Amino acid sequence: MNIVVQTPLAPNPVGPYEQAILAGNTLYVSGQIPINPATNELVSESYAKATEQVMKNIDAILKAASMSFDDVVRCTIFVADLGHFSEVNEMYGSFFGGIAPSRECVQVAALPKGALVEISAIAVKYSCF
């Protein structure tokens, strides 16, 4: 059975999808764009600030599922311009402590609402090791 994970601390979806779906012990976080949930405004002054907002949104969703960035095993990063890769990479990396998840980063022609960055994540919560 799939469980919808929703929190007011992350922006509402901009389409027909959920913030995240918990399937068993795996959480599938939908692509997050840099919308500040407090203001519903798009953060776009820099790639670093946009990435920071996206990661804060993902963090809120992870916490709503009783998870953290330590549980993330895979991310996909979409950027409007790979020329800003180092900004995105530095901010993204600051949210992970020990083992960073596997990931890819690709440039796309456009993102929803004109966003600079979109990131999706998959997290797995193991009950024991």
C-alpha atoms as a PDB file:
ATOM      1  CA  MET A   1       0.000   0.000   0.000  1.00  0.00           C
ATOM      2  CA  ASN A   2       1.343   3.415  -0.960  1.00  0.00           C
ATOM      3  CA  ILE A   3       1.138   6.261   1.547  1.00  0.00           C
ATOM      4  CA  VAL A   4       1.020   9.917   0.523  1.00  0.00           C
ATOM      5  CA  VAL A   5       3.534  12.081   2.374  1.00  0.00           C
ATOM      6  CA  GLN A   6       2.499  15.733   2.529  1.00  0.00           C
ATOM      7  CA  THR A   7       3.752  18.652   4.626  1.00  0.00           C
ATOM      8  CA  PRO A   8       2.882  22.357   4.669  1.00  0.00           C
ATOM      9  CA  LEU A   9       6.620  22.994   5.189  1.00  0.00           C
ATOM     10  CA  ALA A  10       7.234  22.225   1.497  1.00  0.00           C
ATOM     11  CA  PRO A  11       5.397  23.774  -1.457  1.00  0.00           C
ATOM     12  CA  ASN A  12       2.218  22.268  -2.792  1.00  0.00           C
ATOM     13  CA  PRO A  13       2.638  20.330  -6.039  1.00  0.00           C
ATOM     14  CA  VAL A  14       2.199  22.383  -9.208  1.00  0.00           C
ATOM     15  CA  GLY A  15       0.524  19.479 -11.013  1.00  0.00           C
ATOM     16  CA  PRO A  16      -1.290  16.168 -10.503  1.00  0.00           C
ATOM     17  CA  TYR A  17       1.265  14.481  -8.243  1.00  0.00           C
ATOM     18  CA  GLU A  18       2.105  14.193  -4.540  1.00  0.00           C
ATOM     19  CA  GLN A  19       5.062  15.685  -2.677  1.00  0.00           C
ATOM     20  CA  ALA A  20       6.175  12.124  -1.979  1.00  0.00           C
ATOM     21  CA  ILE A  21       4.952   8.549  -1.892  1.00  0.00           C
ATOM     22  CA  LEU A  22       6.062   6.042   0.724  1.00  0.00           C
ATOM     23  CA  ALA A  23       6.034   2.511  -0.678  1.00  0.00           C
ATOM     24  CA  GLY A  24       7.121   0.063   1.994  1.00  0.00           C
ATOM     25  CA  ASN A  25      10.372   1.445   3.388  1.00  0.00           C
ATOM     26  CA  THR A  26      11.152   3.518   0.289  1.00  0.00           C
ATOM     27  CA  LEU A  27      10.219   7.182  -0.103  1.00  0.00           C
ATOM     28  CA  TYR A  28       9.939   8.654  -3.588  1.00  0.00           C
ATOM     29  CA  VAL A  29      10.198  12.442  -3.368  1.00  0.00           C
ATOM     30  CA  SER A  30       8.800  14.226  -6.405  1.00  0.00           C
ATOM     31  CA  GLY A  31      10.954  16.807  -8.135  1.00  0.00           C
ATOM     32  CA  GLN A  32      11.116  19.914  -5.986  1.00  0.00           C
ATOM     33  CA  ILE A  33      11.602  23.375  -7.419  1.00  0.00           C
ATOM     34  CA  PRO A  34      12.758  26.372  -5.352  1.00  0.00           C
ATOM     35  CA  ILE A  35       9.414  27.625  -4.124  1.00  0.00           C
ATOM     36  CA  ASN A  36       9.474  29.063  -0.625  1.00  0.00           C
ATOM     37  CA  PRO A  37       6.423  27.469   1.044  1.00  0.00           C
ATOM     38  CA  ALA A  38       6.013  30.424   3.427  1.00  0.00           C
ATOM     39  CA  THR A  39       5.598  32.942   0.594  1.00  0.00           C
ATOM     40  CA  ASN A  40       4.766  30.689  -2.367  1.00  0.00           C
ATOM     41  CA  GLU A  41       7.407  32.680  -4.289  1.00  0.00           C
ATOM     42  CA  LEU A  42      10.028  31.190  -6.594  1.00  0.00           C
ATOM     43  CA  VAL A  43      13.599  31.650  -5.315  1.00  0.00           C
ATOM     44  CA  SER A  44      15.633  32.648  -8.353  1.00  0.00           C
ATOM     45  CA  GLU A  45      18.273  35.197  -7.341  1.00  0.00           C
ATOM     46  CA  SER A  46      21.080  32.628  -7.776  1.00  0.00           C
ATOM     47  CA  TYR A  47      21.622  28.937  -8.429  1.00  0.00           C
ATOM     48  CA  ALA A  48      23.023  28.540  -4.901  1.00  0.00           C
ATOM     49  CA  LYS A  49      19.951  30.110  -3.260  1.00  0.00           C
ATOM     50  CA  ALA A  50      17.611  28.148  -5.529  1.00  0.00           C
ATOM     51  CA  THR A  51      19.388  24.877  -4.686  1.00  0.00           C
ATOM     52  CA  GLU A  52      19.301  25.705  -0.982  1.00  0.00           C
ATOM     53  CA  GLN A  53      15.515  26.219  -1.124  1.00  0.00           C
ATOM     54  CA  VAL A  54      15.020  22.978  -3.044  1.00  0.00           C
ATOM     55  CA  MET A  55      17.069  21.071  -0.469  1.00  0.00           C
ATOM     56  CA  LYS A  56      15.111  22.674   2.400  1.00  0.00           C
ATOM     57  CA  ASN A  57      11.893  21.539   0.696  1.00  0.00           C
ATOM     58  CA  ILE A  58      13.244  17.999   0.350  1.00  0.00           C
ATOM     59  CA  ASP A  59      14.372  18.068   3.991  1.00  0.00           C
ATOM     60  CA  ALA A  60      10.843  19.006   5.122  1.00  0.00           C
ATOM     61  CA  ILE A  61       9.373  16.128   3.120  1.00  0.00           C
ATOM     62  CA  LEU A  62      11.947  13.670   4.455  1.00  0.00           C
ATOM     63  CA  LYS A  63      11.172  14.761   8.023  1.00  0.00           C
ATOM     64  CA  ALA A  64       7.428  14.330   7.379  1.00  0.00           C
ATOM     65  CA  ALA A  65       8.244  10.690   6.584  1.00  0.00           C
ATOM     66  CA  SER A  66      10.506  10.354   9.662  1.00  0.00           C
ATOM     67  CA  MET A  67      13.581  10.283   7.430  1.00  0.00           C
ATOM     68  CA  SER A  68      16.642  12.455   6.838  1.00  0.00           C
ATOM     69  CA  PHE A  69      19.283  13.081   4.202  1.00  0.00           C
ATOM     70  CA  ASP A  70      21.161  10.103   5.704  1.00  0.00           C
ATOM     71  CA  ASP A  71      18.413   7.896   4.234  1.00  0.00           C
ATOM     72  CA  VAL A  72      18.663   9.306   0.698  1.00  0.00           C
ATOM     73  CA  VAL A  73      20.132   6.805  -1.774  1.00  0.00           C
ATOM     74  CA  ARG A  74      19.490   8.530  -5.105  1.00  0.00           C
ATOM     75  CA  CYS A  75      18.928  12.060  -6.428  1.00  0.00           C
ATOM     76  CA  THR A  76      18.332  13.510  -9.845  1.00  0.00           C
ATOM     77  CA  ILE A  77      19.258  17.144 -10.403  1.00  0.00           C
ATOM     78  CA  PHE A  78      17.883  19.148 -13.313  1.00  0.00           C
ATOM     79  CA  VAL A  79      19.410  22.568 -14.038  1.00  0.00           C
ATOM     80  CA  ALA A  80      18.571  25.225 -16.582  1.00  0.00           C
ATOM     81  CA  ASP A  81      22.286  25.944 -17.178  1.00  0.00           C
ATOM     82  CA  LEU A  82      25.163  23.530 -16.441  1.00  0.00           C
ATOM     83  CA  GLY A  83      27.450  26.550 -16.402  1.00  0.00           C
ATOM     84  CA  HIS A  84      26.305  26.945 -12.788  1.00  0.00           C
ATOM     85  CA  PHE A  85      27.098  23.327 -11.864  1.00  0.00           C
ATOM     86  CA  SER A  86      29.707  24.239  -9.237  1.00  0.00           C
ATOM     87  CA  GLU A  87      27.227  26.513  -7.367  1.00  0.00           C
ATOM     88  CA  VAL A  88      24.576  23.801  -7.392  1.00  0.00           C
ATOM     89  CA  ASN A  89      27.053  21.075  -6.473  1.00  0.00           C
ATOM     90  CA  GLU A  90      28.505  22.985  -3.511  1.00  0.00           C
ATOM     91  CA  MET A  91      25.120  23.836  -1.994  1.00  0.00           C
ATOM     92  CA  TYR A  92      23.690  20.359  -2.694  1.00  0.00           C
ATOM     93  CA  GLY A  93      26.703  18.673  -1.087  1.00  0.00           C
ATOM     94  CA  SER A  94      26.414  20.753   2.086  1.00  0.00           C
ATOM     95  CA  PHE A  95      23.199  18.906   2.982  1.00  0.00           C
ATOM     96  CA  PHE A  96      24.858  15.474   3.139  1.00  0.00           C
ATOM     97  CA  GLY A  97      27.064  14.324   6.002  1.00  0.00           C
ATOM     98  CA  GLY A  98      28.790  11.003   5.493  1.00  0.00           C
ATOM     99  CA  ILE A  99      27.905   9.016   2.411  1.00  0.00           C
ATOM    100  CA  ALA A 100      26.505  11.041  -0.474  1.00  0.00           C
ATOM    101  CA  PRO A 101      23.805   9.315  -2.544  1.00  0.00           C
ATOM    102  CA  SER A 102      24.200   8.275  -6.143  1.00  0.00           C
ATOM    103  CA  ARG A 103      22.953  10.915  -8.560  1.00  0.00           C
ATOM    104  CA  GLU A 104      22.962  12.477 -11.967  1.00  0.00           C
ATOM    105  CA  CYS A 105      22.821  16.120 -12.974  1.00  0.00           C
ATOM    106  CA  VAL A 106      21.480  17.155 -16.365  1.00  0.00           C
ATOM    107  CA  GLN A 107      20.768  20.390 -18.146  1.00  0.00           C
ATOM    108  CA  VAL A 108      17.236  20.750 -19.471  1.00  0.00           C
ATOM    109  CA  ALA A 109      15.592  23.206 -21.842  1.00  0.00           C
ATOM    110  CA  ALA A 110      13.171  24.494 -19.197  1.00  0.00           C
ATOM    111  CA  LEU A 111      11.797  23.742 -15.731  1.00  0.00           C
ATOM    112  CA  PRO A 112       8.339  24.377 -14.234  1.00  0.00           C
ATOM    113  CA  LYS A 113       7.621  28.037 -13.431  1.00  0.00           C
ATOM    114  CA  GLY A 114      10.980  29.047 -14.925  1.00  0.00           C
ATOM    115  CA  ALA A 115      12.906  27.492 -12.020  1.00  0.00           C
ATOM    116  CA  LEU A 116      16.693  27.296 -12.178  1.00  0.00           C
ATOM    117  CA  VAL A 117      16.906  23.915 -10.397  1.00  0.00           C
ATOM    118  CA  GLU A 118      14.719  20.876  -9.732  1.00  0.00           C
ATOM    119  CA  ILE A 119      15.768  17.895  -7.609  1.00  0.00           C
ATOM    120  CA  SER A 120      14.025  14.593  -6.918  1.00  0.00           C
ATOM    121  CA  ALA A 121      15.120  12.020  -4.350  1.00  0.00           C
ATOM    122  CA  ILE A 122      14.677   8.425  -3.286  1.00  0.00           C
ATOM    123  CA  ALA A 123      15.199   7.517   0.367  1.00  0.00           C
ATOM    124  CA  VAL A 124      15.166   4.127   2.079  1.00  0.00           C
ATOM    125  CA  LYS A 125      14.613   3.595   5.792  1.00  0.00           C
ATOM    126  CA  TYR A 126      16.138   0.371   7.032  1.00  0.00           C
ATOM    127  CA  SER A 127      14.692  -0.931  10.270  1.00  0.00           C
ATOM    128  CA  CYS A 128      17.924  -2.657  11.282  1.00  0.00           C
ATOM    129  CA  PHE A 129      21.401  -3.481   9.948  1.00  0.00           C
END
